Protein backbone atom coordinates (compact mmCIF):
# COMPACT_ATOMS: atom_id res chain seq x y z
CA UNK A 1 0.00 0.00 0.00
CA UNK A 2 1.56 3.28 -1.13
CA UNK A 3 -1.29 5.75 -0.64
CA UNK A 4 -3.82 6.39 2.12
CA UNK A 5 -7.15 4.74 1.37
CA UNK A 6 -8.95 7.65 3.14
CA UNK A 7 -7.32 10.78 1.65
CA UNK A 8 -4.98 9.53 -1.10
CA UNK A 9 -1.87 11.08 0.52
CA UNK A 10 1.44 9.24 0.01
CA UNK A 11 2.25 7.00 2.98
CA UNK A 12 5.53 6.85 4.87
CA UNK A 13 6.88 3.96 6.93
CA UNK A 14 6.82 4.67 10.65
CA UNK A 15 7.54 2.71 13.82
CA UNK A 16 4.36 1.73 15.64
CA UNK A 17 4.45 1.35 19.40
CA UNK A 18 1.81 -0.37 21.52
CA UNK A 19 2.11 0.37 25.28
CA UNK A 20 5.72 1.39 24.76
CA UNK A 21 6.65 -1.80 22.89
CA UNK A 22 7.63 -1.67 19.22
CA UNK A 23 5.02 -3.59 17.15
CA UNK A 24 6.82 -2.99 13.88
CA UNK A 25 7.11 -0.56 11.01
CA UNK A 26 3.85 0.19 9.17
CA UNK A 27 2.51 2.57 6.53
CA UNK A 28 1.50 5.91 8.08
CA UNK A 29 -0.50 8.83 6.69
CA UNK A 30 0.98 12.17 7.81
CA UNK A 31 -2.17 13.99 6.65
CA UNK A 32 -4.66 11.83 8.59
CA UNK A 33 -2.14 11.10 11.37
CA UNK A 34 -3.12 7.42 11.25
CA UNK A 35 -1.40 4.11 10.63
CA UNK A 36 -2.75 2.30 7.59
CA UNK A 37 -2.37 -1.36 8.42
CA UNK A 38 -2.42 -3.83 5.52
CA UNK A 39 -5.72 -5.58 4.98
CA UNK A 40 -6.89 -8.59 3.03
CA UNK A 41 -9.98 -10.73 2.60
CA UNK A 42 -10.82 -13.63 4.88
CA UNK A 43 -12.40 -16.76 3.46
CA UNK A 44 -13.31 -20.26 4.55
CA UNK A 45 -12.93 -23.42 2.53
CA UNK A 46 -14.07 -26.87 3.50
CA UNK A 47 -13.03 -30.44 2.95
CA UNK A 48 -16.52 -31.90 3.31
CA UNK A 49 -16.87 -35.51 4.47
CA UNK A 50 -19.92 -37.71 4.87
CA UNK A 51 -20.87 -39.16 8.29
CA UNK A 52 -18.34 -42.01 8.26
CA UNK A 53 -15.57 -40.03 6.55
CA UNK A 54 -15.50 -42.45 3.61
CA UNK A 55 -16.42 -39.86 0.95
CA UNK A 56 -15.67 -36.23 0.23
CA UNK A 57 -17.72 -33.71 -1.72
CA UNK A 58 -16.10 -31.70 -4.53
CA UNK A 59 -17.78 -28.96 -6.52
CA UNK A 60 -17.43 -27.20 -9.87
CA UNK A 61 -18.43 -23.59 -10.28
CA UNK A 62 -18.25 -20.45 -12.43
CA UNK A 63 -18.29 -22.49 -15.64
CA UNK A 64 -14.92 -24.09 -14.93
CA UNK A 65 -14.42 -27.77 -15.65
CA UNK A 66 -12.42 -28.77 -12.59
CA UNK A 67 -13.22 -29.86 -9.05
CA UNK A 68 -12.54 -27.66 -6.06
CA UNK A 69 -13.62 -27.36 -2.43
CA UNK A 70 -16.65 -25.44 -1.27
CA UNK A 71 -15.56 -21.99 -0.08
CA UNK A 72 -16.72 -18.46 0.54
CA UNK A 73 -15.80 -15.10 1.99
CA UNK A 74 -16.29 -14.19 5.62
CA UNK A 75 -18.77 -11.32 6.01
CA UNK A 76 -18.13 -8.32 8.22
CA UNK A 77 -19.00 -9.18 11.82
CA UNK A 78 -19.05 -12.92 11.10
CA UNK A 79 -16.78 -15.53 12.68
CA UNK A 80 -15.02 -18.18 10.61
CA UNK A 81 -17.31 -20.79 12.12
CA UNK A 82 -20.45 -18.84 11.26
CA UNK A 83 -19.20 -18.34 7.69
CA UNK A 84 -18.52 -22.07 7.35
CA UNK A 85 -22.07 -23.02 8.41
CA UNK A 86 -23.63 -20.28 6.26
CA UNK A 87 -21.64 -21.16 3.13
CA UNK A 88 -22.55 -24.86 3.37
CA UNK A 89 -26.23 -23.99 3.72
CA UNK A 90 -26.14 -21.43 0.91
CA UNK A 91 -24.13 -23.43 -1.62
CA UNK A 92 -25.25 -27.00 -0.93
CA UNK A 93 -28.03 -26.91 1.67
CA UNK A 94 -25.98 -29.16 3.98
CA UNK A 95 -26.07 -29.26 7.78
CA UNK A 96 -22.81 -29.48 9.72
CA UNK A 97 -22.36 -32.27 12.27
CA UNK A 98 -18.82 -31.38 13.27
CA UNK A 99 -15.82 -29.45 12.05
CA UNK A 100 -12.23 -28.75 13.00
CA UNK A 101 -9.64 -26.36 11.70
CA UNK A 102 -7.31 -27.86 9.10
CA UNK A 103 -4.88 -25.11 8.06
CA UNK A 104 -4.74 -21.62 6.57
CA UNK A 105 -2.91 -20.35 3.50
CA UNK A 106 -2.62 -16.93 1.91
CA UNK A 107 -3.93 -16.87 -1.68
CA UNK A 108 -2.36 -13.96 -3.54
CA UNK A 109 -4.68 -14.08 -6.57
CA UNK A 110 -7.64 -12.88 -4.45
CA UNK A 111 -5.60 -11.27 -1.64
CA UNK A 112 -7.29 -13.67 0.77
CA UNK A 113 -6.38 -15.66 3.82
CA UNK A 114 -8.07 -19.02 3.20
CA UNK A 115 -9.02 -20.75 6.44
CA UNK A 116 -9.66 -24.40 5.72
CA UNK A 117 -11.77 -26.75 7.83
CA UNK A 118 -12.45 -30.48 7.91
CA UNK A 119 -16.24 -30.77 7.99
CA UNK A 120 -18.53 -33.72 8.68
CA UNK A 121 -22.07 -33.28 7.36
CA UNK A 122 -25.31 -34.95 8.44
CA UNK A 123 -26.40 -36.23 5.03
CA UNK A 124 -25.08 -36.98 1.56
CA UNK A 125 -28.19 -35.34 0.07
CA UNK A 126 -27.47 -31.82 -1.19
CA UNK A 127 -29.21 -29.15 -3.22
CA UNK A 128 -27.18 -26.88 -5.51
CA UNK A 129 -27.28 -23.12 -5.25
CA UNK A 130 -27.06 -21.32 -8.64
CA UNK A 131 -23.41 -20.34 -7.98
CA UNK A 132 -22.42 -24.03 -7.89
CA UNK A 133 -22.52 -25.71 -11.30
CA UNK A 134 -22.23 -29.28 -10.03
CA UNK A 135 -21.16 -31.32 -7.02
CA UNK A 136 -20.39 -34.97 -6.48
CA UNK A 137 -19.34 -37.30 -3.69
CA UNK A 138 -16.04 -39.12 -4.30
CA UNK A 139 -14.36 -41.93 -2.44
CA UNK A 140 -11.15 -40.73 -0.85
CA UNK A 141 -9.04 -42.42 -3.53
CA UNK A 142 -11.19 -40.97 -6.33
CA UNK A 143 -11.03 -37.50 -4.79
CA UNK A 144 -7.24 -37.45 -4.92
CA UNK A 145 -7.39 -37.84 -8.69
CA UNK A 146 -10.50 -35.70 -9.21
CA UNK A 147 -9.49 -32.53 -7.39
CA UNK A 148 -7.88 -29.68 -9.35
CA UNK A 149 -4.17 -30.51 -9.49
CA UNK A 150 -1.55 -28.21 -7.91
CA UNK A 151 -4.24 -26.13 -6.23
CA UNK A 152 -5.03 -25.06 -2.69
CA UNK A 153 -7.96 -27.49 -2.87
CA UNK A 154 -5.56 -30.36 -3.52
CA UNK A 155 -3.25 -29.20 -0.73
CA UNK A 156 -6.06 -28.91 1.84
CA UNK A 157 -7.61 -32.22 0.76
CA UNK A 158 -4.35 -34.15 1.16
CA UNK A 159 -3.69 -32.51 4.50
CA UNK A 160 -7.20 -33.34 5.75
CA UNK A 161 -6.83 -36.96 4.71
CA UNK A 162 -3.67 -37.29 6.79
CA UNK A 163 -5.62 -36.08 9.84
CA UNK A 164 -8.47 -38.61 9.61
C-alpha atoms as a PDB file:
ATOM      1  CA  UNK A   1       0.000   0.000   0.000  1.00  0.00           C
ATOM      2  CA  UNK A   2       1.556   3.279  -1.126  1.00  0.00           C
ATOM      3  CA  UNK A   3      -1.286   5.750  -0.643  1.00  0.00           C
ATOM      4  CA  UNK A   4      -3.822   6.390   2.118  1.00  0.00           C
ATOM      5  CA  UNK A   5      -7.151   4.742   1.375  1.00  0.00           C
ATOM      6  CA  UNK A   6      -8.945   7.652   3.136  1.00  0.00           C
ATOM      7  CA  UNK A   7      -7.324  10.776   1.652  1.00  0.00           C
ATOM      8  CA  UNK A   8      -4.978   9.528  -1.097  1.00  0.00           C
ATOM      9  CA  UNK A   9      -1.868  11.081   0.520  1.00  0.00           C
ATOM     10  CA  UNK A  10       1.445   9.236   0.006  1.00  0.00           C
ATOM     11  CA  UNK A  11       2.246   7.004   2.982  1.00  0.00           C
ATOM     12  CA  UNK A  12       5.527   6.853   4.865  1.00  0.00           C
ATOM     13  CA  UNK A  13       6.881   3.963   6.925  1.00  0.00           C
ATOM     14  CA  UNK A  14       6.823   4.675  10.650  1.00  0.00           C
ATOM     15  CA  UNK A  15       7.537   2.710  13.820  1.00  0.00           C
ATOM     16  CA  UNK A  16       4.356   1.735  15.637  1.00  0.00           C
ATOM     17  CA  UNK A  17       4.450   1.352  19.400  1.00  0.00           C
ATOM     18  CA  UNK A  18       1.813  -0.367  21.521  1.00  0.00           C
ATOM     19  CA  UNK A  19       2.112   0.368  25.279  1.00  0.00           C
ATOM     20  CA  UNK A  20       5.723   1.391  24.763  1.00  0.00           C
ATOM     21  CA  UNK A  21       6.652  -1.801  22.892  1.00  0.00           C
ATOM     22  CA  UNK A  22       7.625  -1.675  19.215  1.00  0.00           C
ATOM     23  CA  UNK A  23       5.016  -3.590  17.154  1.00  0.00           C
ATOM     24  CA  UNK A  24       6.816  -2.991  13.880  1.00  0.00           C
ATOM     25  CA  UNK A  25       7.108  -0.557  11.011  1.00  0.00           C
ATOM     26  CA  UNK A  26       3.852   0.192   9.172  1.00  0.00           C
ATOM     27  CA  UNK A  27       2.505   2.572   6.526  1.00  0.00           C
ATOM     28  CA  UNK A  28       1.505   5.912   8.079  1.00  0.00           C
ATOM     29  CA  UNK A  29      -0.495   8.832   6.686  1.00  0.00           C
ATOM     30  CA  UNK A  30       0.975  12.170   7.814  1.00  0.00           C
ATOM     31  CA  UNK A  31      -2.166  13.994   6.648  1.00  0.00           C
ATOM     32  CA  UNK A  32      -4.663  11.832   8.594  1.00  0.00           C
ATOM     33  CA  UNK A  33      -2.136  11.100  11.373  1.00  0.00           C
ATOM     34  CA  UNK A  34      -3.119   7.421  11.247  1.00  0.00           C
ATOM     35  CA  UNK A  35      -1.399   4.108  10.634  1.00  0.00           C
ATOM     36  CA  UNK A  36      -2.750   2.301   7.589  1.00  0.00           C
ATOM     37  CA  UNK A  37      -2.371  -1.359   8.422  1.00  0.00           C
ATOM     38  CA  UNK A  38      -2.416  -3.826   5.518  1.00  0.00           C
ATOM     39  CA  UNK A  39      -5.716  -5.585   4.979  1.00  0.00           C
ATOM     40  CA  UNK A  40      -6.894  -8.595   3.031  1.00  0.00           C
ATOM     41  CA  UNK A  41      -9.979 -10.733   2.598  1.00  0.00           C
ATOM     42  CA  UNK A  42     -10.819 -13.630   4.880  1.00  0.00           C
ATOM     43  CA  UNK A  43     -12.399 -16.756   3.462  1.00  0.00           C
ATOM     44  CA  UNK A  44     -13.305 -20.261   4.549  1.00  0.00           C
ATOM     45  CA  UNK A  45     -12.925 -23.421   2.535  1.00  0.00           C
ATOM     46  CA  UNK A  46     -14.074 -26.870   3.504  1.00  0.00           C
ATOM     47  CA  UNK A  47     -13.025 -30.436   2.950  1.00  0.00           C
ATOM     48  CA  UNK A  48     -16.518 -31.904   3.307  1.00  0.00           C
ATOM     49  CA  UNK A  49     -16.873 -35.509   4.469  1.00  0.00           C
ATOM     50  CA  UNK A  50     -19.918 -37.714   4.869  1.00  0.00           C
ATOM     51  CA  UNK A  51     -20.875 -39.158   8.289  1.00  0.00           C
ATOM     52  CA  UNK A  52     -18.342 -42.015   8.264  1.00  0.00           C
ATOM     53  CA  UNK A  53     -15.569 -40.026   6.553  1.00  0.00           C
ATOM     54  CA  UNK A  54     -15.497 -42.453   3.610  1.00  0.00           C
ATOM     55  CA  UNK A  55     -16.420 -39.864   0.947  1.00  0.00           C
ATOM     56  CA  UNK A  56     -15.667 -36.234   0.228  1.00  0.00           C
ATOM     57  CA  UNK A  57     -17.719 -33.708  -1.722  1.00  0.00           C
ATOM     58  CA  UNK A  58     -16.105 -31.698  -4.525  1.00  0.00           C
ATOM     59  CA  UNK A  59     -17.775 -28.958  -6.518  1.00  0.00           C
ATOM     60  CA  UNK A  60     -17.434 -27.202  -9.871  1.00  0.00           C
ATOM     61  CA  UNK A  61     -18.432 -23.587 -10.285  1.00  0.00           C
ATOM     62  CA  UNK A  62     -18.247 -20.451 -12.425  1.00  0.00           C
ATOM     63  CA  UNK A  63     -18.293 -22.492 -15.638  1.00  0.00           C
ATOM     64  CA  UNK A  64     -14.919 -24.085 -14.935  1.00  0.00           C
ATOM     65  CA  UNK A  65     -14.420 -27.772 -15.651  1.00  0.00           C
ATOM     66  CA  UNK A  66     -12.417 -28.773 -12.594  1.00  0.00           C
ATOM     67  CA  UNK A  67     -13.218 -29.861  -9.047  1.00  0.00           C
ATOM     68  CA  UNK A  68     -12.541 -27.663  -6.057  1.00  0.00           C
ATOM     69  CA  UNK A  69     -13.622 -27.361  -2.432  1.00  0.00           C
ATOM     70  CA  UNK A  70     -16.649 -25.438  -1.273  1.00  0.00           C
ATOM     71  CA  UNK A  71     -15.559 -21.994  -0.080  1.00  0.00           C
ATOM     72  CA  UNK A  72     -16.720 -18.458   0.542  1.00  0.00           C
ATOM     73  CA  UNK A  73     -15.795 -15.105   1.993  1.00  0.00           C
ATOM     74  CA  UNK A  74     -16.293 -14.189   5.621  1.00  0.00           C
ATOM     75  CA  UNK A  75     -18.771 -11.325   6.006  1.00  0.00           C
ATOM     76  CA  UNK A  76     -18.127  -8.319   8.217  1.00  0.00           C
ATOM     77  CA  UNK A  77     -19.000  -9.184  11.822  1.00  0.00           C
ATOM     78  CA  UNK A  78     -19.055 -12.919  11.103  1.00  0.00           C
ATOM     79  CA  UNK A  79     -16.781 -15.528  12.680  1.00  0.00           C
ATOM     80  CA  UNK A  80     -15.023 -18.181  10.613  1.00  0.00           C
ATOM     81  CA  UNK A  81     -17.306 -20.792  12.123  1.00  0.00           C
ATOM     82  CA  UNK A  82     -20.452 -18.841  11.257  1.00  0.00           C
ATOM     83  CA  UNK A  83     -19.200 -18.335   7.691  1.00  0.00           C
ATOM     84  CA  UNK A  84     -18.525 -22.069   7.348  1.00  0.00           C
ATOM     85  CA  UNK A  85     -22.070 -23.024   8.411  1.00  0.00           C
ATOM     86  CA  UNK A  86     -23.635 -20.277   6.260  1.00  0.00           C
ATOM     87  CA  UNK A  87     -21.644 -21.159   3.132  1.00  0.00           C
ATOM     88  CA  UNK A  88     -22.551 -24.861   3.375  1.00  0.00           C
ATOM     89  CA  UNK A  89     -26.228 -23.993   3.723  1.00  0.00           C
ATOM     90  CA  UNK A  90     -26.137 -21.434   0.912  1.00  0.00           C
ATOM     91  CA  UNK A  91     -24.128 -23.429  -1.623  1.00  0.00           C
ATOM     92  CA  UNK A  92     -25.255 -27.001  -0.932  1.00  0.00           C
ATOM     93  CA  UNK A  93     -28.031 -26.913   1.669  1.00  0.00           C
ATOM     94  CA  UNK A  94     -25.976 -29.156   3.978  1.00  0.00           C
ATOM     95  CA  UNK A  95     -26.071 -29.262   7.777  1.00  0.00           C
ATOM     96  CA  UNK A  96     -22.806 -29.481   9.717  1.00  0.00           C
ATOM     97  CA  UNK A  97     -22.362 -32.275  12.270  1.00  0.00           C
ATOM     98  CA  UNK A  98     -18.819 -31.378  13.270  1.00  0.00           C
ATOM     99  CA  UNK A  99     -15.817 -29.450  12.053  1.00  0.00           C
ATOM    100  CA  UNK A 100     -12.230 -28.747  12.999  1.00  0.00           C
ATOM    101  CA  UNK A 101      -9.640 -26.364  11.701  1.00  0.00           C
ATOM    102  CA  UNK A 102      -7.306 -27.859   9.104  1.00  0.00           C
ATOM    103  CA  UNK A 103      -4.877 -25.107   8.062  1.00  0.00           C
ATOM    104  CA  UNK A 104      -4.742 -21.622   6.571  1.00  0.00           C
ATOM    105  CA  UNK A 105      -2.911 -20.345   3.497  1.00  0.00           C
ATOM    106  CA  UNK A 106      -2.616 -16.928   1.914  1.00  0.00           C
ATOM    107  CA  UNK A 107      -3.932 -16.866  -1.679  1.00  0.00           C
ATOM    108  CA  UNK A 108      -2.362 -13.957  -3.542  1.00  0.00           C
ATOM    109  CA  UNK A 109      -4.684 -14.079  -6.566  1.00  0.00           C
ATOM    110  CA  UNK A 110      -7.644 -12.882  -4.454  1.00  0.00           C
ATOM    111  CA  UNK A 111      -5.598 -11.266  -1.644  1.00  0.00           C
ATOM    112  CA  UNK A 112      -7.291 -13.668   0.769  1.00  0.00           C
ATOM    113  CA  UNK A 113      -6.379 -15.660   3.818  1.00  0.00           C
ATOM    114  CA  UNK A 114      -8.065 -19.016   3.197  1.00  0.00           C
ATOM    115  CA  UNK A 115      -9.023 -20.755   6.445  1.00  0.00           C
ATOM    116  CA  UNK A 116      -9.660 -24.403   5.725  1.00  0.00           C
ATOM    117  CA  UNK A 117     -11.772 -26.751   7.826  1.00  0.00           C
ATOM    118  CA  UNK A 118     -12.447 -30.479   7.909  1.00  0.00           C
ATOM    119  CA  UNK A 119     -16.244 -30.773   7.991  1.00  0.00           C
ATOM    120  CA  UNK A 120     -18.531 -33.715   8.682  1.00  0.00           C
ATOM    121  CA  UNK A 121     -22.074 -33.283   7.357  1.00  0.00           C
ATOM    122  CA  UNK A 122     -25.309 -34.947   8.443  1.00  0.00           C
ATOM    123  CA  UNK A 123     -26.398 -36.227   5.033  1.00  0.00           C
ATOM    124  CA  UNK A 124     -25.082 -36.978   1.564  1.00  0.00           C
ATOM    125  CA  UNK A 125     -28.191 -35.342   0.074  1.00  0.00           C
ATOM    126  CA  UNK A 126     -27.469 -31.820  -1.187  1.00  0.00           C
ATOM    127  CA  UNK A 127     -29.209 -29.148  -3.225  1.00  0.00           C
ATOM    128  CA  UNK A 128     -27.184 -26.883  -5.510  1.00  0.00           C
ATOM    129  CA  UNK A 129     -27.285 -23.120  -5.246  1.00  0.00           C
ATOM    130  CA  UNK A 130     -27.058 -21.321  -8.640  1.00  0.00           C
ATOM    131  CA  UNK A 131     -23.413 -20.337  -7.975  1.00  0.00           C
ATOM    132  CA  UNK A 132     -22.425 -24.031  -7.890  1.00  0.00           C
ATOM    133  CA  UNK A 133     -22.517 -25.711 -11.301  1.00  0.00           C
ATOM    134  CA  UNK A 134     -22.233 -29.279 -10.027  1.00  0.00           C
ATOM    135  CA  UNK A 135     -21.160 -31.318  -7.021  1.00  0.00           C
ATOM    136  CA  UNK A 136     -20.387 -34.967  -6.483  1.00  0.00           C
ATOM    137  CA  UNK A 137     -19.336 -37.296  -3.693  1.00  0.00           C
ATOM    138  CA  UNK A 138     -16.043 -39.116  -4.298  1.00  0.00           C
ATOM    139  CA  UNK A 139     -14.364 -41.935  -2.437  1.00  0.00           C
ATOM    140  CA  UNK A 140     -11.152 -40.726  -0.851  1.00  0.00           C
ATOM    141  CA  UNK A 141      -9.043 -42.420  -3.532  1.00  0.00           C
ATOM    142  CA  UNK A 142     -11.189 -40.972  -6.330  1.00  0.00           C
ATOM    143  CA  UNK A 143     -11.030 -37.497  -4.789  1.00  0.00           C
ATOM    144  CA  UNK A 144      -7.237 -37.445  -4.918  1.00  0.00           C
ATOM    145  CA  UNK A 145      -7.387 -37.842  -8.687  1.00  0.00           C
ATOM    146  CA  UNK A 146     -10.504 -35.705  -9.214  1.00  0.00           C
ATOM    147  CA  UNK A 147      -9.487 -32.526  -7.391  1.00  0.00           C
ATOM    148  CA  UNK A 148      -7.880 -29.677  -9.353  1.00  0.00           C
ATOM    149  CA  UNK A 149      -4.175 -30.506  -9.485  1.00  0.00           C
ATOM    150  CA  UNK A 150      -1.548 -28.207  -7.908  1.00  0.00           C
ATOM    151  CA  UNK A 151      -4.245 -26.128  -6.229  1.00  0.00           C
ATOM    152  CA  UNK A 152      -5.030 -25.064  -2.687  1.00  0.00           C
ATOM    153  CA  UNK A 153      -7.957 -27.488  -2.868  1.00  0.00           C
ATOM    154  CA  UNK A 154      -5.560 -30.363  -3.525  1.00  0.00           C
ATOM    155  CA  UNK A 155      -3.247 -29.201  -0.732  1.00  0.00           C
ATOM    156  CA  UNK A 156      -6.061 -28.909   1.839  1.00  0.00           C
ATOM    157  CA  UNK A 157      -7.615 -32.222   0.765  1.00  0.00           C
ATOM    158  CA  UNK A 158      -4.350 -34.152   1.159  1.00  0.00           C
ATOM    159  CA  UNK A 159      -3.685 -32.514   4.502  1.00  0.00           C
ATOM    160  CA  UNK A 160      -7.197 -33.339   5.750  1.00  0.00           C
ATOM    161  CA  UNK A 161      -6.834 -36.965   4.714  1.00  0.00           C
ATOM    162  CA  UNK A 162      -3.667 -37.286   6.785  1.00  0.00           C
ATOM    163  CA  UNK A 163      -5.618 -36.081   9.837  1.00  0.00           C
ATOM    164  CA  UNK A 164      -8.467 -38.607   9.605  1.00  0.00           C
END
